[in-house]
């Protein structure tokens, strides 16, 4: 079964969205009862939902040590 969960489970009090996956509590609670198509549709809209709510955590660039830092 597909899941949107990324194991960062915390509900934002202002938006009511999980800060990890972007689902609402009713969506999280009903996930097991959704059909595969309902899950796919919801998973497809979650990135835009997170971005619109400004909850999305931008990817962090990999830190590379410079020659100076290694010395």
Protein backbone atom coordinates (compact mmCIF):
# COMPACT_ATOMS: atom_id res chain seq x y z
CA UNK A 1 0.00 0.00 0.00
CA UNK A 2 1.31 3.44 -0.92
CA UNK A 3 1.69 5.96 1.85
CA UNK A 4 2.44 9.65 1.97
CA UNK A 5 4.01 9.37 5.42
CA UNK A 6 7.67 10.36 5.67
CA UNK A 7 7.86 9.81 9.45
CA UNK A 8 7.92 13.51 10.31
CA UNK A 9 4.58 13.40 12.09
CA UNK A 10 3.58 16.73 13.60
CA UNK A 11 0.41 18.71 12.91
CA UNK A 12 0.87 22.43 12.28
CA UNK A 13 -1.66 24.22 14.52
CA UNK A 14 -2.24 27.03 12.02
CA UNK A 15 -2.91 24.94 8.90
CA UNK A 16 -4.00 21.63 10.39
CA UNK A 17 -1.56 19.87 8.06
CA UNK A 18 1.07 17.31 8.94
CA UNK A 19 4.40 19.07 8.58
CA UNK A 20 5.94 15.94 7.09
CA UNK A 21 3.45 14.76 4.49
CA UNK A 22 0.90 17.57 4.21
CA UNK A 23 -2.17 15.48 5.02
CA UNK A 24 -4.96 16.56 7.35
CA UNK A 25 -5.93 14.51 10.39
CA UNK A 26 -9.06 13.16 8.62
CA UNK A 27 -6.89 12.14 5.64
CA UNK A 28 -4.39 10.43 7.90
CA UNK A 29 -7.15 8.69 9.85
CA UNK A 30 -8.98 7.56 6.73
CA UNK A 31 -5.89 6.49 4.77
CA UNK A 32 -6.48 2.76 5.26
CA UNK A 33 -10.05 3.04 3.98
CA UNK A 34 -9.09 4.99 0.83
CA UNK A 35 -8.87 3.08 -2.42
CA UNK A 36 -5.56 3.08 -4.33
CA UNK A 37 -6.82 5.78 -6.72
CA UNK A 38 -7.81 8.08 -3.85
CA UNK A 39 -4.38 7.62 -2.29
CA UNK A 40 -2.62 8.35 -5.62
CA UNK A 41 -4.69 11.50 -6.14
CA UNK A 42 -3.94 12.76 -2.66
CA UNK A 43 -0.23 11.95 -2.91
CA UNK A 44 -0.12 13.91 -6.19
CA UNK A 45 -1.42 17.13 -4.59
CA UNK A 46 0.57 17.02 -1.35
CA UNK A 47 3.78 18.72 -2.61
CA UNK A 48 1.80 21.72 -3.86
CA UNK A 49 -0.22 21.80 -0.65
CA UNK A 50 2.94 21.84 1.46
CA UNK A 51 4.52 24.52 -0.71
CA UNK A 52 1.41 26.71 -0.55
CA UNK A 53 1.31 26.36 3.23
CA UNK A 54 5.04 27.13 3.46
CA UNK A 55 5.53 23.99 5.52
CA UNK A 56 7.75 22.33 2.95
CA UNK A 57 11.32 22.03 4.12
CA UNK A 58 13.62 23.04 1.27
CA UNK A 59 16.29 20.49 0.39
CA UNK A 60 19.57 21.17 2.13
CA UNK A 61 22.71 21.35 -0.02
CA UNK A 62 25.34 18.76 0.75
CA UNK A 63 28.18 20.28 2.69
CA UNK A 64 31.55 19.70 1.07
CA UNK A 65 34.72 20.39 2.95
CA UNK A 66 37.09 22.65 1.14
CA UNK A 67 40.84 21.99 1.13
CA UNK A 68 41.16 24.80 3.68
CA UNK A 69 38.62 23.16 6.02
CA UNK A 70 40.37 19.79 5.77
CA UNK A 71 43.76 21.22 6.72
